[in-house]
Structures are given as structure tokens and as C-alpha cells.
Amino acid sequence: MYAFFQKHAELVELEPFLRMLSQRPDILITTQSESIAVEFQCSTIPITDVEARSAGYRSIDMKPIWILHTPAKFSSLPVGVGTFDFSRFHESFLTHTSPEGYFLLTYNPQTERFHYFTSLIHVAGKRYIGIHRTLPLSMQIFPFARPKTPTEQEIYRYVTLYLSIRNQFIQSRILLNKRGVNNPFLRMCYELRVMPTNLPKWIGLPVLFSESFREHDCEWQLAFLYYLRRKGISVRTISRSQVRKYVSLLEEPSEAKGKACIAYRDFLISATVDSCQNRTVIDEEKIIQLISERLLAKRYEN
């Protein structure tokens, strides 16, 4: 990688000592406009260490770039749309650019290939739907190539996977019920008089900012509707301040969760859904539209 950067920048240093930080970046790139500290991370370290080192570089006006060694379980994955399980450590290396969204860039020095995990949509826990692409070191550029726009066929694959995972989630909760477990999701379904087997498709949708919730979309969206029902608030009348109050009651409140709830509220209003007893049917085309809106991206470019 040192040799690669030497081809693309005038001044490249290998493990220089930065006296003001008492740190040694793996590679330091200096251009006319900026200094870039490149860290190639081969092993798992505390996320707090990553954050502290990045903050240190920024404090002296250096841009940090972290490149993760491609995890062994991802190296042989086929290219294309698929599901990926990222640990909290992997997630700490996710990069967000506009309009490409979230992606993970890794490098395998044995095969000399970059692995891109792009157009990521979080579905639950550690699981994401995304696109895996690879790029040989010989074809890489600097600044690094940007993610491509998903094709129409790839978006249809997203929808198929998303609905399949949604069905798996619902079936897993029904299985819990058969085992006699008083699951909170099933309890909310019971009190809202919604059969889990017939859960309307407008509960469990990939709206903007839904990645801020670790739970499956079905769970947090049902919980939001359950709260509205208990408080006697309609979907059409809930205000932003009321949404903020709801989010403040969650275990891990955040501004992003508030934005997700607002995005979900706005969708329900546009679909003329006002309660859990609403019989509005959301077809697959609407889900395609929602996923398409989240996957705006550009072709590989500088």
C-alpha cells in the first residue's frame, strides 16, 4: 500500500513519528491542500482507541483514513447483493458519504484486492443487506473509487431479501409464542389486535434513518404505533415535540431515532394509514420505491 500511495501522491511517509501526538500512522500522505493519516487495521482493537486516534489526527488538521483488513469470512464471498453480519468493531469503520450512503472499505493484502460493501441497509442486530464488489489494487485510484449506483435488478434483489428477512423475523416471534414465552412484540400485537401472521406490510418498512435502531423495523415501528395508541395520539396529529418525547423514553435515545420515527410517520400519512386497524395494503412496488430512495449513489468516480 505504501508503494501504491507513492504512485498517487508526491510526499508519502511510512510510519513517521508525530511528536505532537506521540503517534505513528501507518502511512502519512501530504498534498498541497491536506495531510492524510492512513491506518491499515489488521487486528481487532477497542473502538475507543480508533476514535481517540482519529480525534488526535483531526486536532492537528489531519484527515484520518482507516482501512480494515478484509475479514476472512468476507474474502471469498461472491460479488453482488447479499446479507452481511458486521460486528460492532466492523461497524466502527463504516463510512458515510452523500449521496452514496454507508459503505465499508477493506483490503486483502494476500490477493491485493479492495473489497467494497456498499449501499448498506441495516435490517436487525448485526445484519445488513448490501452489495459486495471487489477492485484490484492495480485498478484503484486515489482518492479512492466511490461506490456504484445499484442497478434495477440489484434493487429487486434487495426487496426479495428484505421481505424474506422480515418474514423470518415474524416466524421467529411466532415460534417464541408456541414455546410459551411472553414476548414484548407478541404482547403489543395482542393489545393492538394485530395478528403477527397477518402483520400489515406497512409495519416493518426500510424508512430513512431506520439503521439508528438495533431492532428489526417490525419491532421499533410496532412499538411506536403501540405508544401512539396508549397515548391516544393519531398518526396524523403527532408533532415533532411529541416524537422527541417518545424517543427520550427509549433505552438509547438519539436524534437519528427521532428522524426515523418522523420518516415513518410521514410515510404512514402519505399511505393514508391512521391506525393499526387500517386495512391499507402496501404492495411490493412501494417497498421498491422506499429502498430505491435509500440507495441513491454514484458510479465509481474520484
C-alpha atoms as a PDB file:
ATOM      1  CA  MET A   1       0.000   0.000   0.000  1.00  0.00           C
ATOM      2  CA  TYR A   2       2.949   2.300   0.631  1.00  0.00           C
ATOM      3  CA  ALA A   3       4.078   1.689  -2.958  1.00  0.00           C
ATOM      4  CA  PHE A   4       0.519   2.311  -4.173  1.00  0.00           C
ATOM      5  CA  PHE A   5       0.294   5.705  -2.476  1.00  0.00           C
ATOM      6  CA  GLN A   6       3.731   6.680  -3.774  1.00  0.00           C
ATOM      7  CA  LYS A   7       2.286   6.429  -7.292  1.00  0.00           C
ATOM      8  CA  HIS A   8      -0.583   8.767  -6.453  1.00  0.00           C
ATOM      9  CA  ALA A   9       0.915  11.414  -4.159  1.00  0.00           C
ATOM     10  CA  GLU A  10       4.133  13.477  -4.084  1.00  0.00           C
ATOM     11  CA  LEU A  11       5.062  13.042  -0.412  1.00  0.00           C
ATOM     12  CA  VAL A  12       4.378   9.686   1.270  1.00  0.00           C
ATOM     13  CA  GLU A  13       5.997   8.642   4.572  1.00  0.00           C
ATOM     14  CA  LEU A  14       5.980   5.220   6.185  1.00  0.00           C
ATOM     15  CA  GLU A  15       5.250   5.170   9.928  1.00  0.00           C
ATOM     16  CA  PRO A  16       6.509   8.695  10.678  1.00  0.00           C
ATOM     17  CA  PHE A  17       6.549   9.762  14.324  1.00  0.00           C
ATOM     18  CA  LEU A  18       4.166  12.641  15.052  1.00  0.00           C
ATOM     19  CA  ARG A  19       5.733  14.292  18.088  1.00  0.00           C
ATOM     20  CA  MET A  20       2.686  16.431  18.928  1.00  0.00           C
ATOM     21  CA  LEU A  21       0.515  13.282  19.241  1.00  0.00           C
ATOM     22  CA  SER A  22       3.124  10.674  20.141  1.00  0.00           C
ATOM     23  CA  GLN A  23       1.537   8.564  17.391  1.00  0.00           C
ATOM     24  CA  ARG A  24       2.792   6.790  14.301  1.00  0.00           C
ATOM     25  CA  PRO A  25       0.255   6.485  11.468  1.00  0.00           C
ATOM     26  CA  ASP A  26       0.982   3.575   9.149  1.00  0.00           C
ATOM     27  CA  ILE A  27       1.288   5.981   6.233  1.00  0.00           C
ATOM     28  CA  LEU A  28       1.269   9.791   6.080  1.00  0.00           C
ATOM     29  CA  ILE A  29       0.315  11.461   2.804  1.00  0.00           C
ATOM     30  CA  THR A  30       0.999  15.164   2.347  1.00  0.00           C
ATOM     31  CA  THR A  31      -0.500  17.078  -0.568  1.00  0.00           C
ATOM     32  CA  GLN A  32      -0.674  20.781  -1.345  1.00  0.00           C
ATOM     33  CA  SER A  33      -4.081  21.018   0.305  1.00  0.00           C
ATOM     34  CA  GLU A  34      -4.111  18.469   3.150  1.00  0.00           C
ATOM     35  CA  SER A  35      -2.357  15.869   5.275  1.00  0.00           C
ATOM     36  CA  ILE A  36      -3.852  12.383   5.419  1.00  0.00           C
ATOM     37  CA  ALA A  37      -3.052   9.761   8.052  1.00  0.00           C
ATOM     38  CA  VAL A  38      -3.740   6.239   6.754  1.00  0.00           C
ATOM     39  CA  GLU A  39      -4.235   3.421   9.250  1.00  0.00           C
ATOM     40  CA  PHE A  40      -4.409  -0.169   7.984  1.00  0.00           C
ATOM     41  CA  GLN A  41      -6.059  -2.148  10.781  1.00  0.00           C
ATOM     42  CA  CYS A  42      -5.248  -5.865  10.775  1.00  0.00           C
ATOM     43  CA  SER A  43      -6.373  -6.824  14.271  1.00  0.00           C
ATOM     44  CA  THR A  44      -9.332  -6.069  16.492  1.00  0.00           C
ATOM     45  CA  ILE A  45      -8.712  -3.211  18.917  1.00  0.00           C
ATOM     46  CA  PRO A  46     -11.061  -1.303  21.245  1.00  0.00           C
ATOM     47  CA  ILE A  47     -13.355   1.036  19.306  1.00  0.00           C
ATOM     48  CA  THR A  48     -12.410   3.764  21.784  1.00  0.00           C
ATOM     49  CA  ASP A  49      -8.802   3.502  20.534  1.00  0.00           C
ATOM     50  CA  VAL A  50      -9.947   4.050  16.944  1.00  0.00           C
ATOM     51  CA  GLU A  51     -11.995   7.064  17.980  1.00  0.00           C
ATOM     52  CA  ALA A  52      -9.162   8.513  20.106  1.00  0.00           C
ATOM     53  CA  ARG A  53      -6.567   8.187  17.333  1.00  0.00           C
ATOM     54  CA  SER A  54      -8.938   9.738  14.795  1.00  0.00           C
ATOM     55  CA  ALA A  55      -9.662  12.632  17.152  1.00  0.00           C
ATOM     56  CA  GLY A  56      -5.928  13.139  17.624  1.00  0.00           C
ATOM     57  CA  TYR A  57      -5.320  13.429  13.879  1.00  0.00           C
ATOM     58  CA  ARG A  58      -8.202  15.845  13.448  1.00  0.00           C
ATOM     59  CA  SER A  59      -6.880  18.001  16.296  1.00  0.00           C
ATOM     60  CA  ILE A  60      -3.817  18.808  14.181  1.00  0.00           C
ATOM     61  CA  ASP A  61      -5.821  19.208  10.951  1.00  0.00           C
ATOM     62  CA  MET A  62      -5.025  15.755   9.583  1.00  0.00           C
ATOM     63  CA  LYS A  63      -7.657  13.679   7.811  1.00  0.00           C
ATOM     64  CA  PRO A  64      -7.731  10.073   9.119  1.00  0.00           C
ATOM     65  CA  ILE A  65      -8.476   7.194   6.742  1.00  0.00           C
ATOM     66  CA  TRP A  66      -8.945   3.754   8.277  1.00  0.00           C
ATOM     67  CA  ILE A  67      -8.742   0.708   6.029  1.00  0.00           C
ATOM     68  CA  LEU A  68      -9.786  -2.573   7.597  1.00  0.00           C
ATOM     69  CA  HIS A  69      -8.057  -5.831   6.713  1.00  0.00           C
ATOM     70  CA  THR A  70     -10.733  -7.821   4.857  1.00  0.00           C
ATOM     71  CA  PRO A  71     -12.231 -10.255   7.406  1.00  0.00           C
ATOM     72  CA  ALA A  72     -11.544 -13.875   6.418  1.00  0.00           C
ATOM     73  CA  LYS A  73     -15.255 -14.709   6.281  1.00  0.00           C
ATOM     74  CA  PHE A  74     -15.784 -11.979   3.660  1.00  0.00           C
ATOM     75  CA  SER A  75     -12.779 -12.631   1.402  1.00  0.00           C
ATOM     76  CA  SER A  76     -14.403 -15.441  -0.607  1.00  0.00           C
ATOM     77  CA  LEU A  77     -17.935 -14.060  -0.735  1.00  0.00           C
ATOM     78  CA  PRO A  78     -19.466 -13.848  -4.218  1.00  0.00           C
ATOM     79  CA  VAL A  79     -19.899 -10.363  -5.611  1.00  0.00           C
ATOM     80  CA  GLY A  80     -23.384  -8.895  -5.798  1.00  0.00           C
ATOM     81  CA  VAL A  81     -26.284  -8.294  -3.435  1.00  0.00           C
ATOM     82  CA  GLY A  82     -26.228 -10.305  -0.217  1.00  0.00           C
ATOM     83  CA  THR A  83     -26.522 -10.182   3.560  1.00  0.00           C
ATOM     84  CA  PHE A  84     -23.567  -9.445   5.821  1.00  0.00           C
ATOM     85  CA  ASP A  85     -23.116  -9.681   9.578  1.00  0.00           C
ATOM     86  CA  PHE A  86     -20.884  -6.872  10.840  1.00  0.00           C
ATOM     87  CA  SER A  87     -19.605  -6.810  14.412  1.00  0.00           C
ATOM     88  CA  ARG A  88     -19.561  -3.567  16.398  1.00  0.00           C
ATOM     89  CA  PHE A  89     -15.862  -3.351  15.511  1.00  0.00           C
ATOM     90  CA  HIS A  90     -16.624  -3.640  11.780  1.00  0.00           C
ATOM     91  CA  GLU A  91     -19.401  -1.067  12.131  1.00  0.00           C
ATOM     92  CA  SER A  92     -16.967   1.440  13.592  1.00  0.00           C
ATOM     93  CA  PHE A  93     -15.252   1.508  10.171  1.00  0.00           C
ATOM     94  CA  LEU A  94     -18.421   2.267   8.198  1.00  0.00           C
ATOM     95  CA  THR A  95     -18.064   5.401   6.119  1.00  0.00           C
ATOM     96  CA  HIS A  96     -20.961   7.663   5.193  1.00  0.00           C
ATOM     97  CA  THR A  97     -20.797   9.820   2.100  1.00  0.00           C
ATOM     98  CA  SER A  98     -23.552  11.701   0.334  1.00  0.00           C
ATOM     99  CA  PRO A  99     -25.381  10.553  -1.664  1.00  0.00           C
ATOM    100  CA  GLU A 100     -23.785   7.077  -1.580  1.00  0.00           C
ATOM    101  CA  GLY A 101     -24.802   6.281   1.995  1.00  0.00           C
ATOM    102  CA  TYR A 102     -22.984   3.799   4.246  1.00  0.00           C
ATOM    103  CA  PHE A 103     -20.221   1.542   2.963  1.00  0.00           C
ATOM    104  CA  LEU A 104     -17.273  -0.439   4.308  1.00  0.00           C
ATOM    105  CA  LEU A 105     -13.911  -0.430   2.534  1.00  0.00           C
ATOM    106  CA  THR A 106     -11.488  -3.258   3.296  1.00  0.00           C
ATOM    107  CA  TYR A 107      -8.245  -4.519   1.746  1.00  0.00           C
ATOM    108  CA  ASN A 108      -6.821  -8.021   1.403  1.00  0.00           C
ATOM    109  CA  PRO A 109      -3.002  -7.803   1.010  1.00  0.00           C
ATOM    110  CA  GLN A 110      -2.761 -11.508   0.077  1.00  0.00           C
ATOM    111  CA  THR A 111      -4.951 -11.094  -3.007  1.00  0.00           C
ATOM    112  CA  GLU A 112      -4.170  -7.370  -3.449  1.00  0.00           C
ATOM    113  CA  ARG A 113      -7.853  -6.559  -3.782  1.00  0.00           C
ATOM    114  CA  PHE A 114     -10.061  -3.946  -2.183  1.00  0.00           C
ATOM    115  CA  HIS A 115     -13.450  -5.184  -1.025  1.00  0.00           C
ATOM    116  CA  TYR A 116     -16.351  -2.740  -1.047  1.00  0.00           C
ATOM    117  CA  PHE A 117     -19.522  -3.441   0.947  1.00  0.00           C
ATOM    118  CA  THR A 118     -21.776  -0.699  -0.318  1.00  0.00           C
ATOM    119  CA  SER A 119     -25.346   0.670  -0.303  1.00  0.00           C
ATOM    120  CA  LEU A 120     -25.834  -0.863   3.132  1.00  0.00           C
ATOM    121  CA  ILE A 121     -29.296  -1.129   4.687  1.00  0.00           C
ATOM    122  CA  HIS A 122     -29.436  -2.269   8.301  1.00  0.00           C
ATOM    123  CA  VAL A 123     -32.172  -4.822   8.942  1.00  0.00           C
ATOM    124  CA  ALA A 124     -31.614  -6.016  12.527  1.00  0.00           C
ATOM    125  CA  GLY A 125     -28.824  -6.518  15.030  1.00  0.00           C
ATOM    126  CA  LYS A 126     -25.579  -7.132  13.152  1.00  0.00           C
ATOM    127  CA  ARG A 127     -27.236  -7.918   9.813  1.00  0.00           C
ATOM    128  CA  TYR A 128     -27.129  -5.689   6.764  1.00  0.00           C
ATOM    129  CA  ILE A 129     -28.217  -6.038   3.155  1.00  0.00           C
ATOM    130  CA  GLY A 130     -25.665  -4.624   0.753  1.00  0.00           C
ATOM    131  CA  ILE A 131     -23.589  -5.104  -2.377  1.00  0.00           C
ATOM    132  CA  HIS A 132     -20.176  -6.757  -2.325  1.00  0.00           C
ATOM    133  CA  ARG A 133     -17.765  -5.614  -5.026  1.00  0.00           C
ATOM    134  CA  THR A 134     -14.012  -6.034  -5.392  1.00  0.00           C
ATOM    135  CA  LEU A 135     -11.382  -3.889  -7.062  1.00  0.00           C
ATOM    136  CA  PRO A 136      -7.769  -4.955  -7.755  1.00  0.00           C
ATOM    137  CA  LEU A 137      -5.064  -2.735  -6.296  1.00  0.00           C
ATOM    138  CA  SER A 138      -3.806  -2.181  -9.866  1.00  0.00           C
ATOM    139  CA  MET A 139      -7.141  -0.550 -10.790  1.00  0.00           C
ATOM    140  CA  GLN A 140      -7.589   1.502  -7.620  1.00  0.00           C
ATOM    141  CA  ILE A 141      -7.238   5.282  -7.715  1.00  0.00           C
ATOM    142  CA  PHE A 142      -6.664   7.946  -5.095  1.00  0.00           C
ATOM    143  CA  PRO A 143      -8.824   9.494  -3.727  1.00  0.00           C
ATOM    144  CA  PHE A 144     -10.407   6.048  -3.593  1.00  0.00           C
ATOM    145  CA  ALA A 145     -13.071   4.954  -6.070  1.00  0.00           C
ATOM    146  CA  ARG A 146     -16.614   5.664  -4.898  1.00  0.00           C
ATOM    147  CA  PRO A 147     -19.481   3.126  -4.774  1.00  0.00           C
ATOM    148  CA  LYS A 148     -21.601   2.455  -7.862  1.00  0.00           C
ATOM    149  CA  THR A 149     -25.320   3.001  -8.121  1.00  0.00           C
ATOM    150  CA  PRO A 150     -27.311  -0.229  -7.621  1.00  0.00           C
ATOM    151  CA  THR A 151     -28.918  -1.443 -10.814  1.00  0.00           C
ATOM    152  CA  GLU A 152     -32.652  -2.044 -11.141  1.00  0.00           C
ATOM    153  CA  GLN A 153     -32.066  -5.803 -10.895  1.00  0.00           C
ATOM    154  CA  GLU A 154     -29.993  -5.329  -7.727  1.00  0.00           C
ATOM    155  CA  ILE A 155     -32.743  -3.248  -6.114  1.00  0.00           C
ATOM    156  CA  TYR A 156     -35.262  -6.037  -6.811  1.00  0.00           C
ATOM    157  CA  ARG A 157     -32.824  -8.420  -5.093  1.00  0.00           C
ATOM    158  CA  TYR A 158     -32.748  -6.057  -2.084  1.00  0.00           C
ATOM    159  CA  VAL A 159     -36.536  -6.193  -1.853  1.00  0.00           C
ATOM    160  CA  THR A 160     -36.578 -10.012  -2.056  1.00  0.00           C
ATOM    161  CA  LEU A 161     -34.004 -10.292   0.740  1.00  0.00           C
ATOM    162  CA  TYR A 162     -35.655  -7.617   2.877  1.00  0.00           C
ATOM    163  CA  LEU A 163     -39.086  -9.276   2.717  1.00  0.00           C
ATOM    164  CA  SER A 164     -37.541 -12.700   3.343  1.00  0.00           C
ATOM    165  CA  ILE A 165     -35.759 -11.457   6.481  1.00  0.00           C
ATOM    166  CA  ARG A 166     -38.952  -9.703   7.602  1.00  0.00           C
ATOM    167  CA  ASN A 167     -40.853 -12.997   7.274  1.00  0.00           C
ATOM    168  CA  GLN A 168     -38.111 -14.854   9.163  1.00  0.00           C
ATOM    169  CA  PHE A 169     -38.368 -12.315  11.992  1.00  0.00           C
ATOM    170  CA  ILE A 170     -42.151 -12.707  12.281  1.00  0.00           C
ATOM    171  CA  GLN A 171     -41.908 -16.506  12.175  1.00  0.00           C
ATOM    172  CA  SER A 172     -39.255 -16.447  14.916  1.00  0.00           C
ATOM    173  CA  ARG A 173     -41.586 -14.447  17.169  1.00  0.00           C
ATOM    174  CA  ILE A 174     -44.477 -16.821  16.481  1.00  0.00           C
ATOM    175  CA  LEU A 175     -42.184 -19.708  17.430  1.00  0.00           C
ATOM    176  CA  LEU A 176     -41.460 -17.967  20.737  1.00  0.00           C
ATOM    177  CA  ASN A 177     -45.221 -17.808  21.353  1.00  0.00           C
ATOM    178  CA  LYS A 178     -45.576 -21.544  20.720  1.00  0.00           C
ATOM    179  CA  ARG A 179     -42.922 -22.126  23.356  1.00  0.00           C
ATOM    180  CA  GLY A 180     -44.981 -20.172  25.854  1.00  0.00           C
ATOM    181  CA  VAL A 181     -42.702 -17.114  26.042  1.00  0.00           C
ATOM    182  CA  ASN A 182     -44.410 -13.790  26.811  1.00  0.00           C
ATOM    183  CA  ASN A 183     -42.539 -11.826  24.163  1.00  0.00           C
ATOM    184  CA  PRO A 184     -42.984  -7.990  24.181  1.00  0.00           C
ATOM    185  CA  PHE A 185     -43.551  -7.936  20.400  1.00  0.00           C
ATOM    186  CA  LEU A 186     -46.324 -10.526  20.652  1.00  0.00           C
ATOM    187  CA  ARG A 187     -47.814  -8.708  23.650  1.00  0.00           C
ATOM    188  CA  MET A 188     -48.056  -5.478  21.641  1.00  0.00           C
ATOM    189  CA  CYS A 189     -49.635  -7.359  18.735  1.00  0.00           C
ATOM    190  CA  TYR A 190     -52.217  -8.812  21.126  1.00  0.00           C
ATOM    191  CA  GLU A 191     -53.085  -5.460  22.713  1.00  0.00           C
ATOM    192  CA  LEU A 192     -53.288  -3.778  19.302  1.00  0.00           C
ATOM    193  CA  ARG A 193     -55.402  -6.678  17.994  1.00  0.00           C
ATOM    194  CA  VAL A 194     -52.974  -7.385  15.168  1.00  0.00           C
ATOM    195  CA  MET A 195     -52.252 -10.998  14.213  1.00  0.00           C
ATOM    196  CA  PRO A 196     -48.480 -11.493  13.786  1.00  0.00           C
ATOM    197  CA  THR A 197     -49.158 -13.827  10.840  1.00  0.00           C
ATOM    198  CA  ASN A 198     -51.112 -11.030   9.145  1.00  0.00           C
ATOM    199  CA  LEU A 199     -48.906  -8.133  10.168  1.00  0.00           C
ATOM    200  CA  PRO A 200     -49.569  -5.426   7.551  1.00  0.00           C
ATOM    201  CA  LYS A 201     -46.568  -4.650   5.359  1.00  0.00           C
ATOM    202  CA  TRP A 202     -46.645  -1.023   6.463  1.00  0.00           C
ATOM    203  CA  ILE A 203     -45.280  -2.292   9.786  1.00  0.00           C
ATOM    204  CA  GLY A 204     -41.653  -3.144   9.087  1.00  0.00           C
ATOM    205  CA  LEU A 205     -40.512  -0.760   6.365  1.00  0.00           C
ATOM    206  CA  PRO A 206     -36.971   0.415   5.425  1.00  0.00           C
ATOM    207  CA  VAL A 207     -37.521   4.132   6.043  1.00  0.00           C
ATOM    208  CA  LEU A 208     -34.728   6.692   6.273  1.00  0.00           C
ATOM    209  CA  PHE A 209     -32.634   6.598   9.479  1.00  0.00           C
ATOM    210  CA  SER A 210     -34.030   3.186  10.472  1.00  0.00           C
ATOM    211  CA  GLU A 211     -30.428   1.993  10.951  1.00  0.00           C
ATOM    212  CA  SER A 212     -30.407   4.030  14.196  1.00  0.00           C
ATOM    213  CA  PHE A 213     -32.466   1.199  15.764  1.00  0.00           C
ATOM    214  CA  ARG A 214     -30.780  -2.116  16.509  1.00  0.00           C
ATOM    215  CA  GLU A 215     -34.171  -3.828  16.486  1.00  0.00           C
ATOM    216  CA  HIS A 216     -35.841  -5.120  13.350  1.00  0.00           C
ATOM    217  CA  ASP A 217     -38.015  -2.500  11.639  1.00  0.00           C
ATOM    218  CA  CYS A 218     -41.110  -4.510  12.600  1.00  0.00           C
ATOM    219  CA  GLU A 219     -40.222  -4.181  16.282  1.00  0.00           C
ATOM    220  CA  TRP A 220     -39.492  -0.472  16.582  1.00  0.00           C
ATOM    221  CA  GLN A 221     -42.320   0.551  14.254  1.00  0.00           C
ATOM    222  CA  LEU A 222     -44.866  -1.575  16.111  1.00  0.00           C
ATOM    223  CA  ALA A 223     -43.593  -0.129  19.420  1.00  0.00           C
ATOM    224  CA  PHE A 224     -44.039   3.402  18.026  1.00  0.00           C
ATOM    225  CA  LEU A 225     -47.638   2.655  16.976  1.00  0.00           C
ATOM    226  CA  TYR A 226     -48.291   0.990  20.341  1.00  0.00           C
ATOM    227  CA  TYR A 227     -47.142   4.169  22.117  1.00  0.00           C
ATOM    228  CA  LEU A 228     -49.465   6.307  19.971  1.00  0.00           C
ATOM    229  CA  ARG A 229     -52.382   4.014  20.756  1.00  0.00           C
ATOM    230  CA  ARG A 230     -51.724   4.136  24.504  1.00  0.00           C
ATOM    231  CA  LYS A 231     -51.452   7.929  24.488  1.00  0.00           C
ATOM    232  CA  GLY A 232     -54.491   8.392  22.268  1.00  0.00           C
ATOM    233  CA  ILE A 233     -52.433  10.185  19.601  1.00  0.00           C
ATOM    234  CA  SER A 234     -53.187   9.696  15.924  1.00  0.00           C
ATOM    235  CA  VAL A 235     -50.522   9.276  13.258  1.00  0.00           C
ATOM    236  CA  ARG A 236     -51.722  12.442  11.540  1.00  0.00           C
ATOM    237  CA  THR A 237     -51.576  14.665  14.615  1.00  0.00           C
ATOM    238  CA  ILE A 238     -48.370  13.598  16.387  1.00  0.00           C
ATOM    239  CA  SER A 239     -45.962  16.527  16.466  1.00  0.00           C
ATOM    240  CA  ARG A 240     -42.172  16.561  16.337  1.00  0.00           C
ATOM    241  CA  SER A 241     -42.031  17.527  20.011  1.00  0.00           C
ATOM    242  CA  GLN A 242     -44.210  14.508  20.868  1.00  0.00           C
ATOM    243  CA  VAL A 243     -41.905  12.286  18.808  1.00  0.00           C
ATOM    244  CA  ARG A 244     -38.898  13.663  20.723  1.00  0.00           C
ATOM    245  CA  LYS A 245     -40.662  12.878  23.989  1.00  0.00           C
ATOM    246  CA  TYR A 246     -41.290   9.304  22.841  1.00  0.00           C
ATOM    247  CA  VAL A 247     -37.662   8.856  21.795  1.00  0.00           C
ATOM    248  CA  SER A 248     -36.458  10.216  25.154  1.00  0.00           C
ATOM    249  CA  LEU A 249     -38.211   7.244  26.804  1.00  0.00           C
ATOM    250  CA  LEU A 250     -36.248   4.678  24.756  1.00  0.00           C
ATOM    251  CA  GLU A 251     -33.315   2.777  26.188  1.00  0.00           C
ATOM    252  CA  GLU A 252     -30.811   4.536  23.913  1.00  0.00           C
ATOM    253  CA  PRO A 253     -32.424   7.796  22.719  1.00  0.00           C
ATOM    254  CA  SER A 254     -30.856   9.667  19.812  1.00  0.00           C
ATOM    255  CA  GLU A 255     -31.668  12.373  17.313  1.00  0.00           C
ATOM    256  CA  ALA A 256     -31.423   9.818  14.498  1.00  0.00           C
ATOM    257  CA  LYS A 257     -34.148   7.671  16.098  1.00  0.00           C
ATOM    258  CA  GLY A 258     -36.381  10.729  16.177  1.00  0.00           C
ATOM    259  CA  LYS A 259     -35.740  11.272  12.462  1.00  0.00           C
ATOM    260  CA  ALA A 260     -36.591   7.615  11.777  1.00  0.00           C
ATOM    261  CA  CYS A 261     -39.908   7.981  13.614  1.00  0.00           C
ATOM    262  CA  ILE A 262     -40.695  11.167  11.683  1.00  0.00           C
ATOM    263  CA  ALA A 263     -39.862   9.441   8.383  1.00  0.00           C
ATOM    264  CA  TYR A 264     -42.132   6.534   9.335  1.00  0.00           C
ATOM    265  CA  ARG A 265     -44.925   8.901  10.388  1.00  0.00           C
ATOM    266  CA  ASP A 266     -44.661  10.787   7.096  1.00  0.00           C
ATOM    267  CA  PHE A 267     -44.859   7.541   5.132  1.00  0.00           C
ATOM    268  CA  LEU A 268     -47.963   6.387   7.021  1.00  0.00           C
ATOM    269  CA  ILE A 269     -49.643   9.731   6.369  1.00  0.00           C
ATOM    270  CA  SER A 270     -48.823   9.527   2.658  1.00  0.00           C
ATOM    271  CA  ALA A 271     -50.247   5.992   2.587  1.00  0.00           C
ATOM    272  CA  THR A 272     -53.398   7.153   4.449  1.00  0.00           C
ATOM    273  CA  VAL A 273     -52.705   4.806   7.370  1.00  0.00           C
ATOM    274  CA  ASP A 274     -54.034   6.215  10.643  1.00  0.00           C
ATOM    275  CA  SER A 275     -54.240   3.200  12.972  1.00  0.00           C
ATOM    276  CA  CYS A 276     -53.244  -0.453  13.362  1.00  0.00           C
ATOM    277  CA  GLN A 277     -56.734  -1.488  12.269  1.00  0.00           C
ATOM    278  CA  ASN A 278     -56.301   0.262   8.935  1.00  0.00           C
ATOM    279  CA  ARG A 279     -56.741  -2.112   6.000  1.00  0.00           C
ATOM    280  CA  THR A 280     -54.454  -0.224   3.629  1.00  0.00           C
ATOM    281  CA  VAL A 281     -52.362  -2.624   1.540  1.00  0.00           C
ATOM    282  CA  ILE A 282     -48.749  -1.748   0.754  1.00  0.00           C
ATOM    283  CA  ASP A 283     -47.657  -3.538  -2.389  1.00  0.00           C
ATOM    284  CA  GLU A 284     -44.151  -4.573  -3.345  1.00  0.00           C
ATOM    285  CA  GLU A 285     -43.765  -1.587  -5.673  1.00  0.00           C
ATOM    286  CA  LYS A 286     -43.998   0.775  -2.692  1.00  0.00           C
ATOM    287  CA  ILE A 287     -41.251  -1.123  -0.890  1.00  0.00           C
ATOM    288  CA  ILE A 288     -39.144  -0.971  -4.050  1.00  0.00           C
ATOM    289  CA  GLN A 289     -39.649   2.796  -4.054  1.00  0.00           C
ATOM    290  CA  LEU A 290     -38.612   3.116  -0.396  1.00  0.00           C
ATOM    291  CA  ILE A 291     -35.453   1.061  -0.907  1.00  0.00           C
ATOM    292  CA  SER A 292     -34.629   2.942  -4.123  1.00  0.00           C
ATOM    293  CA  GLU A 293     -34.826   6.249  -2.228  1.00  0.00           C
ATOM    294  CA  ARG A 294     -32.244   4.935   0.253  1.00  0.00           C
ATOM    295  CA  LEU A 295     -29.857   3.602  -2.366  1.00  0.00           C
ATOM    296  CA  LEU A 296     -29.096   6.750  -4.338  1.00  0.00           C
ATOM    297  CA  ALA A 297     -25.457   6.510  -5.302  1.00  0.00           C
ATOM    298  CA  LYS A 298     -22.991   7.471  -7.996  1.00  0.00           C
ATOM    299  CA  ARG A 299     -20.847   5.416 -10.365  1.00  0.00           C
ATOM    300  CA  TYR A 300     -17.252   4.677  -9.346  1.00  0.00           C
ATOM    301  CA  GLU A 301     -15.531   8.034  -9.622  1.00  0.00           C
ATOM    302  CA  ASN A 302     -12.851  10.191  -7.983  1.00  0.00           C
END
